[in-house]
Structures are given as structure tokens and as C-alpha cells.
């Protein structure tokens, strides 16, 4: 796995776009194939592969076509390295509101 913790956001985007293109080519699909199956325009796929501004929903659509949704779903899974982490996660999953502190006049 590639460690991206010391990368700049634009470097990460560039690598991810390169991987996206490589995955499309590995599956022997044209940009038109992906666009048609994802319900987006060819320009959207082209822009996505080039790292130009594309909406997150379109990224998900293309990932679905390429069979890579599980990787996206794994992006923000909680880190549960200990029993305390699990307890903290379970308690935070219940909807809670933070009370405002009373203003002192």
C-alpha cells in the first residue's frame, strides 16, 4: 500500500487519477464505455482521469462501473484498534447534540 501521509493533495489526486485510468485500461474499456455505463459524459471521465474538477458523485459512479466501490467505502471506516475505540465508536453512533454553554453576562 502506498503511504500518502506526506503527499500534497494535488499529488494524491494525480496518483488516484493515474490509477483510475490504469484500471479502465486494464478492463479494456474506453472512456465512452465507462461514461455510458456510469451515466455521465465522456468529458466527465476525461476530466476525472486528468484530475480536473469533477463532482464526488461522478467519482462514485465511475468507481461503481470499474467495480471499485468497496475501496471507496473503506476510505472512512472507523479505526477500531482497541476495545476502547469500539466503545467510543458505538457511543458516538447514537445521535447526540452538544449543549451550548450558558453565556455569562
PDB file of N, CA and C in Angstrom:
ATOM      1  N   UNK A   1       0.851  -1.174   0.000  1.00  0.00           N
ATOM      2  CA  UNK A   1       0.000   0.000   0.000  1.00  0.00           C
ATOM      3  C   UNK A   1       0.899   1.241   0.000  1.00  0.00           C
ATOM      4  N   UNK A   2       0.485   2.237  -0.731  1.00  0.00           N
ATOM      5  CA  UNK A   2       1.244   3.465  -0.872  1.00  0.00           C
ATOM      6  C   UNK A   2       0.921   4.396   0.288  1.00  0.00           C
ATOM      7  N   UNK A   3       1.945   4.883   0.974  1.00  0.00           N
ATOM      8  CA  UNK A   3       1.747   5.816   2.084  1.00  0.00           C
ATOM      9  C   UNK A   3       1.626   7.223   1.514  1.00  0.00           C
ATOM     10  N   UNK A   4       0.457   7.818   1.669  1.00  0.00           N
ATOM     11  CA  UNK A   4       0.216   9.156   1.134  1.00  0.00           C
ATOM     12  C   UNK A   4       0.233  10.228   2.216  1.00  0.00           C
ATOM     13  N   UNK A   5       0.657   9.893   3.416  1.00  0.00           N
ATOM     14  CA  UNK A   5       0.564  10.822   4.535  1.00  0.00           C
ATOM     15  C   UNK A   5       1.458  12.046   4.379  1.00  0.00           C
ATOM     16  N   UNK A   6       2.491  11.971   3.549  1.00  0.00           N
ATOM     17  CA  UNK A   6       3.373  13.114   3.370  1.00  0.00           C
ATOM     18  C   UNK A   6       3.209  13.754   1.995  1.00  0.00           C
ATOM     19  N   UNK A   7       2.146  13.439   1.327  1.00  0.00           N
ATOM     20  CA  UNK A   7       1.880  13.973  -0.002  1.00  0.00           C
ATOM     21  C   UNK A   7       1.019  15.217   0.091  1.00  0.00           C
ATOM     22  N   UNK A   8       1.104  16.034  -0.942  1.00  0.00           N
ATOM     23  CA  UNK A   8       0.233  17.194  -1.060  1.00  0.00           C
ATOM     24  C   UNK A   8      -1.056  16.715  -1.725  1.00  0.00           C
ATOM     25  N   UNK A   9      -2.174  17.394  -1.467  1.00  0.00           N
ATOM     26  CA  UNK A   9      -3.440  16.970  -2.070  1.00  0.00           C
ATOM     27  C   UNK A   9      -3.368  16.817  -3.587  1.00  0.00           C
ATOM     28  N   UNK A  10      -2.711  17.738  -4.283  1.00  0.00           N
ATOM     29  CA  UNK A  10      -2.645  17.625  -5.740  1.00  0.00           C
ATOM     30  C   UNK A  10      -1.838  16.413  -6.189  1.00  0.00           C
ATOM     31  N   UNK A  11      -0.866  15.998  -5.396  1.00  0.00           N
ATOM     32  CA  UNK A  11      -0.097  14.790  -5.716  1.00  0.00           C
ATOM     33  C   UNK A  11      -0.964  13.541  -5.554  1.00  0.00           C
ATOM     34  N   UNK A  12      -1.792  13.534  -4.513  1.00  0.00           N
ATOM     35  CA  UNK A  12      -2.691  12.409  -4.279  1.00  0.00           C
ATOM     36  C   UNK A  12      -3.709  12.316  -5.409  1.00  0.00           C
ATOM     37  N   UNK A  13      -4.263  13.458  -5.798  1.00  0.00           N
ATOM     38  CA  UNK A  13      -5.229  13.478  -6.904  1.00  0.00           C
ATOM     39  C   UNK A  13      -4.582  12.924  -8.160  1.00  0.00           C
ATOM     40  N   UNK A  14      -3.370  13.349  -8.446  1.00  0.00           N
ATOM     41  CA  UNK A  14      -2.671  12.891  -9.654  1.00  0.00           C
ATOM     42  C   UNK A  14      -2.509  11.369  -9.641  1.00  0.00           C
ATOM     43  N   UNK A  15      -2.061  10.816  -8.509  1.00  0.00           N
ATOM     44  CA  UNK A  15      -1.873   9.361  -8.409  1.00  0.00           C
ATOM     45  C   UNK A  15      -3.184   8.603  -8.545  1.00  0.00           C
ATOM     46  N   UNK A  16      -4.222   9.111  -7.892  1.00  0.00           N
ATOM     47  CA  UNK A  16      -5.519   8.438  -7.971  1.00  0.00           C
ATOM     48  C   UNK A  16      -6.076   8.477  -9.394  1.00  0.00           C
ATOM     49  N   UNK A  17      -5.892   9.587 -10.071  1.00  0.00           N
ATOM     50  CA  UNK A  17      -6.359   9.698 -11.452  1.00  0.00           C
ATOM     51  C   UNK A  17      -5.587   8.750 -12.367  1.00  0.00           C
ATOM     52  N   UNK A  18      -4.294   8.619 -12.122  1.00  0.00           N
ATOM     53  CA  UNK A  18      -3.485   7.675 -12.902  1.00  0.00           C
ATOM     54  C   UNK A  18      -3.975   6.249 -12.669  1.00  0.00           C
ATOM     55  N   UNK A  19      -4.312   5.929 -11.431  1.00  0.00           N
ATOM     56  CA  UNK A  19      -4.807   4.589 -11.104  1.00  0.00           C
ATOM     57  C   UNK A  19      -6.162   4.337 -11.752  1.00  0.00           C
ATOM     58  N   UNK A  20      -7.003   5.360 -11.743  1.00  0.00           N
ATOM     59  CA  UNK A  20      -8.305   5.238 -12.366  1.00  0.00           C
ATOM     60  C   UNK A  20      -8.154   4.912 -13.852  1.00  0.00           C
ATOM     61  N   UNK A  21      -7.305   5.647 -14.533  1.00  0.00           N
ATOM     62  CA  UNK A  21      -7.077   5.415 -15.959  1.00  0.00           C
ATOM     63  C   UNK A  21      -6.501   4.019 -16.188  1.00  0.00           C
ATOM     64  N   UNK A  22      -5.535   3.646 -15.358  1.00  0.00           N
ATOM     65  CA  UNK A  22      -4.917   2.325 -15.491  1.00  0.00           C
ATOM     66  C   UNK A  22      -5.951   1.216 -15.286  1.00  0.00           C
ATOM     67  N   UNK A  23      -6.842   1.398 -14.337  1.00  0.00           N
ATOM     68  CA  UNK A  23      -7.884   0.400 -14.080  1.00  0.00           C
ATOM     69  C   UNK A  23      -8.821   0.298 -15.272  1.00  0.00           C
ATOM     70  N   UNK A  24      -9.205   1.442 -15.827  1.00  0.00           N
ATOM     71  CA  UNK A  24     -10.083   1.428 -17.006  1.00  0.00           C
ATOM     72  C   UNK A  24      -9.413   0.691 -18.154  1.00  0.00           C
ATOM     73  N   UNK A  25      -8.138   0.986 -18.393  1.00  0.00           N
ATOM     74  CA  UNK A  25      -7.407   0.339 -19.481  1.00  0.00           C
ATOM     75  C   UNK A  25      -7.222  -1.153 -19.216  1.00  0.00           C
ATOM     76  N   UNK A  26      -6.978  -1.524 -17.960  1.00  0.00           N
ATOM     77  CA  UNK A  26      -6.819  -2.941 -17.606  1.00  0.00           C
ATOM     78  C   UNK A  26      -8.102  -3.726 -17.879  1.00  0.00           C
ATOM     79  N   UNK A  27      -9.222  -3.045 -17.738  1.00  0.00           N
ATOM     80  CA  UNK A  27     -10.510  -3.685 -18.013  1.00  0.00           C
ATOM     81  C   UNK A  27     -10.903  -3.534 -19.484  1.00  0.00           C
ATOM     82  N   UNK A  28      -9.978  -3.003 -20.272  1.00  0.00           N
ATOM     83  CA  UNK A  28     -10.162  -2.826 -21.715  1.00  0.00           C
ATOM     84  C   UNK A  28     -11.445  -2.073 -22.037  1.00  0.00           C
ATOM     85  N   UNK A  29     -11.641  -0.982 -21.310  1.00  0.00           N
ATOM     86  CA  UNK A  29     -12.813  -0.134 -21.538  1.00  0.00           C
ATOM     87  C   UNK A  29     -12.357   1.216 -22.067  1.00  0.00           C
ATOM     88  N   UNK A  30     -13.152   1.774 -22.981  1.00  0.00           N
ATOM     89  CA  UNK A  30     -12.874   3.130 -23.453  1.00  0.00           C
ATOM     90  C   UNK A  30     -13.518   4.117 -22.496  1.00  0.00           C
ATOM     91  N   UNK A  31     -13.133   5.380 -22.621  1.00  0.00           N
ATOM     92  CA  UNK A  31     -13.786   6.400 -21.816  1.00  0.00           C
ATOM     93  C   UNK A  31     -15.280   6.439 -22.126  1.00  0.00           C
ATOM     94  N   UNK A  32     -15.627   6.220 -23.388  1.00  0.00           N
ATOM     95  CA  UNK A  32     -17.040   6.201 -23.781  1.00  0.00           C
ATOM     96  C   UNK A  32     -17.785   5.047 -23.119  1.00  0.00           C
ATOM     97  N   UNK A  33     -17.130   3.878 -23.016  1.00  0.00           N
ATOM     98  CA  UNK A  33     -17.746   2.727 -22.336  1.00  0.00           C
ATOM     99  C   UNK A  33     -18.067   3.075 -20.887  1.00  0.00           C
ATOM    100  N   UNK A  34     -17.076   3.619 -20.192  1.00  0.00           N
ATOM    101  CA  UNK A  34     -17.251   3.963 -18.774  1.00  0.00           C
ATOM    102  C   UNK A  34     -18.317   5.044 -18.632  1.00  0.00           C
ATOM    103  N   UNK A  35     -18.248   6.059 -19.470  1.00  0.00           N
ATOM    104  CA  UNK A  35     -19.210   7.161 -19.391  1.00  0.00           C
ATOM    105  C   UNK A  35     -20.629   6.657 -19.596  1.00  0.00           C
ATOM    106  N   UNK A  36     -20.816   5.822 -20.602  1.00  0.00           N
ATOM    107  CA  UNK A  36     -22.150   5.296 -20.883  1.00  0.00           C
ATOM    108  C   UNK A  36     -22.704   4.471 -19.749  1.00  0.00           C
ATOM    109  N   UNK A  37     -21.879   3.608 -19.189  1.00  0.00           N
ATOM    110  CA  UNK A  37     -22.337   2.744 -18.096  1.00  0.00           C
ATOM    111  C   UNK A  37     -22.539   3.509 -16.797  1.00  0.00           C
ATOM    112  N   UNK A  38     -21.761   4.603 -16.614  1.00  0.00           N
ATOM    113  CA  UNK A  38     -21.860   5.394 -15.388  1.00  0.00           C
ATOM    114  C   UNK A  38     -22.946   6.461 -15.481  1.00  0.00           C
ATOM    115  N   UNK A  39     -23.445   6.702 -16.680  1.00  0.00           N
ATOM    116  CA  UNK A  39     -24.465   7.729 -16.843  1.00  0.00           C
ATOM    117  C   UNK A  39     -23.903   9.133 -16.765  1.00  0.00           C
ATOM    118  N   UNK A  40     -22.649   9.294 -17.215  1.00  0.00           N
ATOM    119  CA  UNK A  40     -22.007  10.608 -17.234  1.00  0.00           C
ATOM    120  C   UNK A  40     -21.471  10.845 -18.644  1.00  0.00           C
ATOM    121  N   UNK A  41     -21.042  12.059 -18.909  1.00  0.00           N
ATOM    122  CA  UNK A  41     -20.486  12.378 -20.216  1.00  0.00           C
ATOM    123  C   UNK A  41     -19.048  11.899 -20.361  1.00  0.00           C
ATOM    124  N   UNK A  42     -18.631  11.734 -21.606  1.00  0.00           N
ATOM    125  CA  UNK A  42     -17.242  11.344 -21.871  1.00  0.00           C
ATOM    126  C   UNK A  42     -16.288  12.391 -21.322  1.00  0.00           C
ATOM    127  N   UNK A  43     -16.657  13.667 -21.434  1.00  0.00           N
ATOM    128  CA  UNK A  43     -15.806  14.735 -20.899  1.00  0.00           C
ATOM    129  C   UNK A  43     -15.617  14.600 -19.388  1.00  0.00           C
ATOM    130  N   UNK A  44     -16.642  14.109 -18.708  1.00  0.00           N
ATOM    131  CA  UNK A  44     -16.531  13.907 -17.257  1.00  0.00           C
ATOM    132  C   UNK A  44     -15.470  12.863 -16.948  1.00  0.00           C
ATOM    133  N   UNK A  45     -15.481  11.756 -17.677  1.00  0.00           N
ATOM    134  CA  UNK A  45     -14.480  10.700 -17.467  1.00  0.00           C
ATOM    135  C   UNK A  45     -13.099  11.230 -17.825  1.00  0.00           C
ATOM    136  N   UNK A  46     -12.999  11.948 -18.929  1.00  0.00           N
ATOM    137  CA  UNK A  46     -11.724  12.524 -19.341  1.00  0.00           C
ATOM    138  C   UNK A  46     -11.193  13.487 -18.285  1.00  0.00           C
ATOM    139  N   UNK A  47     -12.066  14.361 -17.785  1.00  0.00           N
ATOM    140  CA  UNK A  47     -11.666  15.307 -16.740  1.00  0.00           C
ATOM    141  C   UNK A  47     -11.247  14.592 -15.468  1.00  0.00           C
ATOM    142  N   UNK A  48     -11.969  13.547 -15.137  1.00  0.00           N
ATOM    143  CA  UNK A  48     -11.648  12.775 -13.939  1.00  0.00           C
ATOM    144  C   UNK A  48     -10.261  12.154 -14.052  1.00  0.00           C
ATOM    145  N   UNK A  49      -9.974  11.561 -15.188  1.00  0.00           N
ATOM    146  CA  UNK A  49      -8.656  10.942 -15.383  1.00  0.00           C
ATOM    147  C   UNK A  49      -7.544  11.985 -15.430  1.00  0.00           C
ATOM    148  N   UNK A  50      -7.885  13.194 -15.821  1.00  0.00           N
ATOM    149  CA  UNK A  50      -6.888  14.268 -15.899  1.00  0.00           C
ATOM    150  C   UNK A  50      -6.753  15.029 -14.583  1.00  0.00           C
ATOM    151  N   UNK A  51      -7.604  14.722 -13.618  1.00  0.00           N
ATOM    152  CA  UNK A  51      -7.523  15.383 -12.319  1.00  0.00           C
ATOM    153  C   UNK A  51      -8.177  16.739 -12.285  1.00  0.00           C
ATOM    154  N   UNK A  52      -8.999  17.005 -13.275  1.00  0.00           N
ATOM    155  CA  UNK A  52      -9.716  18.278 -13.276  1.00  0.00           C
ATOM    156  C   UNK A  52     -10.953  18.153 -12.404  1.00  0.00           C
ATOM    157  N   UNK A  53     -11.500  19.269 -12.030  1.00  0.00           N
ATOM    158  CA  UNK A  53     -12.617  19.334 -11.091  1.00  0.00           C
ATOM    159  C   UNK A  53     -13.807  18.491 -11.552  1.00  0.00           C
ATOM    160  N   UNK A  54     -14.096  17.466 -10.797  1.00  0.00           N
ATOM    161  CA  UNK A  54     -15.221  16.585 -11.084  1.00  0.00           C
ATOM    162  C   UNK A  54     -15.933  16.307  -9.764  1.00  0.00           C
ATOM    163  N   UNK A  55     -17.261  16.277  -9.798  1.00  0.00           N
ATOM    164  CA  UNK A  55     -18.036  16.049  -8.586  1.00  0.00           C
ATOM    165  C   UNK A  55     -17.805  14.664  -7.991  1.00  0.00           C
ATOM    166  N   UNK A  56     -17.930  14.578  -6.687  1.00  0.00           N
ATOM    167  CA  UNK A  56     -17.697  13.328  -5.974  1.00  0.00           C
ATOM    168  C   UNK A  56     -18.679  12.246  -6.407  1.00  0.00           C
ATOM    169  N   UNK A  57     -19.907  12.629  -6.692  1.00  0.00           N
ATOM    170  CA  UNK A  57     -20.891  11.640  -7.144  1.00  0.00           C
ATOM    171  C   UNK A  57     -20.425  10.975  -8.440  1.00  0.00           C
ATOM    172  N   UNK A  58     -19.806  11.746  -9.320  1.00  0.00           N
ATOM    173  CA  UNK A  58     -19.302  11.168 -10.570  1.00  0.00           C
ATOM    174  C   UNK A  58     -18.143  10.216 -10.320  1.00  0.00           C
ATOM    175  N   UNK A  59     -17.323  10.521  -9.336  1.00  0.00           N
ATOM    176  CA  UNK A  59     -16.239   9.609  -8.960  1.00  0.00           C
ATOM    177  C   UNK A  59     -16.840   8.280  -8.515  1.00  0.00           C
ATOM    178  N   UNK A  60     -17.890   8.349  -7.726  1.00  0.00           N
ATOM    179  CA  UNK A  60     -18.542   7.138  -7.236  1.00  0.00           C
ATOM    180  C   UNK A  60     -19.160   6.359  -8.387  1.00  0.00           C
ATOM    181  N   UNK A  61     -19.800   7.047  -9.318  1.00  0.00           N
ATOM    182  CA  UNK A  61     -20.407   6.376 -10.468  1.00  0.00           C
ATOM    183  C   UNK A  61     -19.356   5.602 -11.269  1.00  0.00           C
ATOM    184  N   UNK A  62     -18.224   6.257 -11.528  1.00  0.00           N
ATOM    185  CA  UNK A  62     -17.155   5.604 -12.292  1.00  0.00           C
ATOM    186  C   UNK A  62     -16.572   4.446 -11.499  1.00  0.00           C
ATOM    187  N   UNK A  63     -16.389   4.632 -10.192  1.00  0.00           N
ATOM    188  CA  UNK A  63     -15.878   3.545  -9.348  1.00  0.00           C
ATOM    189  C   UNK A  63     -16.828   2.345  -9.379  1.00  0.00           C
ATOM    190  N   UNK A  64     -18.111   2.612  -9.422  1.00  0.00           N
ATOM    191  CA  UNK A  64     -19.094   1.524  -9.493  1.00  0.00           C
ATOM    192  C   UNK A  64     -18.925   0.738 -10.790  1.00  0.00           C
ATOM    193  N   UNK A  65     -18.762   1.447 -11.900  1.00  0.00           N
ATOM    194  CA  UNK A  65     -18.590   0.791 -13.198  1.00  0.00           C
ATOM    195  C   UNK A  65     -17.325  -0.063 -13.203  1.00  0.00           C
ATOM    196  N   UNK A  66     -16.270   0.438 -12.562  1.00  0.00           N
ATOM    197  CA  UNK A  66     -14.992  -0.274 -12.543  1.00  0.00           C
ATOM    198  C   UNK A  66     -14.913  -1.312 -11.427  1.00  0.00           C
ATOM    199  N   UNK A  67     -15.989  -1.455 -10.668  1.00  0.00           N
ATOM    200  CA  UNK A  67     -16.004  -2.463  -9.605  1.00  0.00           C
ATOM    201  C   UNK A  67     -15.113  -2.123  -8.430  1.00  0.00           C
ATOM    202  N   UNK A  68     -15.003  -0.835  -8.091  1.00  0.00           N
ATOM    203  CA  UNK A  68     -14.105  -0.410  -7.012  1.00  0.00           C
ATOM    204  C   UNK A  68     -14.820   0.326  -5.879  1.00  0.00           C
ATOM    205  N   UNK A  69     -16.097   0.059  -5.688  1.00  0.00           N
ATOM    206  CA  UNK A  69     -16.864   0.749  -4.655  1.00  0.00           C
ATOM    207  C   UNK A  69     -16.394   0.367  -3.258  1.00  0.00           C
ATOM    208  N   UNK A  70     -16.035  -0.888  -3.059  1.00  0.00           N
ATOM    209  CA  UNK A  70     -15.602  -1.318  -1.716  1.00  0.00           C
ATOM    210  C   UNK A  70     -14.404  -0.509  -1.237  1.00  0.00           C
ATOM    211  N   UNK A  71     -13.512  -0.164  -2.150  1.00  0.00           N
ATOM    212  CA  UNK A  71     -12.354   0.641  -1.773  1.00  0.00           C
ATOM    213  C   UNK A  71     -12.790   2.035  -1.325  1.00  0.00           C
ATOM    214  N   UNK A  72     -13.781   2.605  -2.006  1.00  0.00           N
ATOM    215  CA  UNK A  72     -14.285   3.918  -1.596  1.00  0.00           C
ATOM    216  C   UNK A  72     -14.985   3.835  -0.254  1.00  0.00           C
ATOM    217  N   UNK A  73     -15.773   2.783  -0.061  1.00  0.00           N
ATOM    218  CA  UNK A  73     -16.471   2.628   1.206  1.00  0.00           C
ATOM    219  C   UNK A  73     -15.492   2.468   2.369  1.00  0.00           C
ATOM    220  N   UNK A  74     -14.330   1.919   2.087  1.00  0.00           N
ATOM    221  CA  UNK A  74     -13.338   1.699   3.132  1.00  0.00           C
ATOM    222  C   UNK A  74     -12.590   2.971   3.519  1.00  0.00           C
ATOM    223  N   UNK A  75     -12.747   4.021   2.738  1.00  0.00           N
ATOM    224  CA  UNK A  75     -11.982   5.256   2.991  1.00  0.00           C
ATOM    225  C   UNK A  75     -12.188   5.819   4.390  1.00  0.00           C
ATOM    226  N   UNK A  76     -13.417   5.821   4.871  1.00  0.00           N
ATOM    227  CA  UNK A  76     -13.688   6.481   6.136  1.00  0.00           C
ATOM    228  C   UNK A  76     -14.250   5.540   7.187  1.00  0.00           C
ATOM    229  N   UNK A  77     -13.845   4.283   7.107  1.00  0.00           N
ATOM    230  CA  UNK A  77     -14.224   3.360   8.162  1.00  0.00           C
ATOM    231  C   UNK A  77     -13.516   3.764   9.448  1.00  0.00           C
ATOM    232  N   UNK A  78     -14.150   3.558  10.565  1.00  0.00           N
ATOM    233  CA  UNK A  78     -13.508   3.939  11.828  1.00  0.00           C
ATOM    234  C   UNK A  78     -12.299   3.044  12.112  1.00  0.00           C
ATOM    235  N   UNK A  79     -11.323   3.625  12.756  1.00  0.00           N
ATOM    236  CA  UNK A  79     -10.175   2.838  13.207  1.00  0.00           C
ATOM    237  C   UNK A  79     -10.528   2.258  14.569  1.00  0.00           C
ATOM    238  N   UNK A  80     -10.615   0.965  14.608  1.00  0.00           N
ATOM    239  CA  UNK A  80     -11.006   0.280  15.837  1.00  0.00           C
ATOM    240  C   UNK A  80      -9.875  -0.648  16.242  1.00  0.00           C
ATOM    241  N   UNK A  81      -8.872  -0.054  16.875  1.00  0.00           N
ATOM    242  CA  UNK A  81      -7.689  -0.808  17.253  1.00  0.00           C
ATOM    243  C   UNK A  81      -7.753  -1.386  18.660  1.00  0.00           C
ATOM    244  N   UNK A  82      -8.724  -0.950  19.432  1.00  0.00           N
ATOM    245  CA  UNK A  82      -8.813  -1.435  20.806  1.00  0.00           C
ATOM    246  C   UNK A  82     -10.280  -1.507  21.222  1.00  0.00           C
ATOM    247  N   UNK A  83     -10.516  -2.124  22.342  1.00  0.00           N
ATOM    248  CA  UNK A  83     -11.862  -2.206  22.881  1.00  0.00           C
ATOM    249  C   UNK A  83     -12.393  -0.813  23.203  1.00  0.00           C
ATOM    250  N   UNK A  84     -11.538   0.070  23.693  1.00  0.00           N
ATOM    251  CA  UNK A  84     -11.959   1.444  23.975  1.00  0.00           C
ATOM    252  C   UNK A  84     -12.398   2.149  22.695  1.00  0.00           C
ATOM    253  N   UNK A  85     -11.684   1.919  21.591  1.00  0.00           N
ATOM    254  CA  UNK A  85     -12.071   2.508  20.306  1.00  0.00           C
ATOM    255  C   UNK A  85     -13.462   2.040  19.895  1.00  0.00           C
ATOM    256  N   UNK A  86     -13.731   0.753  20.071  1.00  0.00           N
ATOM    257  CA  UNK A  86     -15.036   0.197  19.707  1.00  0.00           C
ATOM    258  C   UNK A  86     -16.132   0.818  20.564  1.00  0.00           C
ATOM    259  N   UNK A  87     -15.886   0.919  21.864  1.00  0.00           N
ATOM    260  CA  UNK A  87     -16.884   1.517  22.759  1.00  0.00           C
ATOM    261  C   UNK A  87     -17.142   2.979  22.396  1.00  0.00           C
ATOM    262  N   UNK A  88     -16.083   3.716  22.131  1.00  0.00           N
ATOM    263  CA  UNK A  88     -16.214   5.122  21.763  1.00  0.00           C
ATOM    264  C   UNK A  88     -17.009   5.268  20.455  1.00  0.00           C
ATOM    265  N   UNK A  89     -16.710   4.411  19.501  1.00  0.00           N
ATOM    266  CA  UNK A  89     -17.413   4.449  18.216  1.00  0.00           C
ATOM    267  C   UNK A  89     -18.888   4.130  18.390  1.00  0.00           C
ATOM    268  N   UNK A  90     -19.188   3.089  19.158  1.00  0.00           N
ATOM    269  CA  UNK A  90     -20.585   2.708  19.356  1.00  0.00           C
ATOM    270  C   UNK A  90     -21.363   3.803  20.079  1.00  0.00           C
ATOM    271  N   UNK A  91     -20.753   4.449  21.048  1.00  0.00           N
ATOM    272  CA  UNK A  91     -21.465   5.508  21.772  1.00  0.00           C
ATOM    273  C   UNK A  91     -21.631   6.752  20.902  1.00  0.00           C
ATOM    274  N   UNK A  92     -20.699   7.008  19.998  1.00  0.00           N
ATOM    275  CA  UNK A  92     -20.826   8.181  19.135  1.00  0.00           C
ATOM    276  C   UNK A  92     -21.798   7.933  17.987  1.00  0.00           C
ATOM    277  N   UNK A  93     -22.108   6.675  17.711  1.00  0.00           N
ATOM    278  CA  UNK A  93     -23.032   6.354  16.626  1.00  0.00           C
ATOM    279  C   UNK A  93     -24.457   6.750  16.975  1.00  0.00           C
ATOM    280  N   UNK A  94     -24.750   6.851  18.250  1.00  0.00           N
ATOM    281  CA  UNK A  94     -26.063   7.318  18.679  1.00  0.00           C
ATOM    282  C   UNK A  94     -26.091   8.829  18.511  1.00  0.00           C
ATOM    283  N   UNK A  95     -27.184   9.321  17.961  1.00  0.00           N
ATOM    284  CA  UNK A  95     -27.253  10.751  17.698  1.00  0.00           C
ATOM    285  C   UNK A  95     -27.223  11.516  19.008  1.00  0.00           C
ATOM    286  N   UNK A  96     -26.315  12.467  19.045  1.00  0.00           N
ATOM    287  CA  UNK A  96     -26.174  13.286  20.236  1.00  0.00           C
ATOM    288  C   UNK A  96     -26.037  14.737  19.806  1.00  0.00           C
ATOM    289  N   UNK A  97     -26.483  15.588  20.647  1.00  0.00           N
ATOM    290  CA  UNK A  97     -26.293  17.012  20.415  1.00  0.00           C
ATOM    291  C   UNK A  97     -25.445  17.551  21.552  1.00  0.00           C
ATOM    292  N   UNK A  98     -24.580  18.429  21.196  1.00  0.00           N
ATOM    293  CA  UNK A  98     -23.747  19.088  22.200  1.00  0.00           C
ATOM    294  C   UNK A  98     -24.520  20.286  22.728  1.00  0.00           C
ATOM    295  N   UNK A  99     -24.630  20.367  24.031  1.00  0.00           N
ATOM    296  CA  UNK A  99     -25.323  21.504  24.623  1.00  0.00           C
ATOM    297  C   UNK A  99     -24.454  22.734  24.573  1.00  0.00           C
ATOM    298  N   UNK A 100     -25.086  23.832  24.268  1.00  0.00           N
ATOM    299  CA  UNK A 100     -24.349  25.098  24.263  1.00  0.00           C
ATOM    300  C   UNK A 100     -24.053  25.487  25.698  1.00  0.00           C
ATOM    301  N   UNK A 101     -22.908  26.057  25.876  1.00  0.00           N
ATOM    302  CA  UNK A 101     -22.553  26.532  27.206  1.00  0.00           C
ATOM    303  C   UNK A 101     -23.327  27.813  27.486  1.00  0.00           C
ATOM    304  N   UNK A 102     -23.769  27.936  28.703  1.00  0.00           N
ATOM    305  CA  UNK A 102     -24.520  29.131  29.091  1.00  0.00           C
ATOM    306  C   UNK A 102     -23.592  30.338  29.031  1.00  0.00           C
ATOM    307  N   UNK A 103     -24.112  31.406  28.456  1.00  0.00           N
ATOM    308  CA  UNK A 103     -23.308  32.621  28.374  1.00  0.00           C
ATOM    309  C   UNK A 103     -23.397  33.353  29.694  1.00  0.00           C
ATOM    310  N   UNK A 104     -22.251  33.788  30.150  1.00  0.00           N
ATOM    311  CA  UNK A 104     -22.214  34.531  31.416  1.00  0.00           C
ATOM    312  C   UNK A 104     -22.285  36.008  31.103  1.00  0.00           C
ATOM    313  N   UNK A 105     -23.258  36.697  31.704  1.00  0.00           N
ATOM    314  CA  UNK A 105     -23.437  38.139  31.422  1.00  0.00           C
ATOM    315  C   UNK A 105     -22.778  38.980  32.458  1.00  0.00           C
TER     316      UNK A 105
END
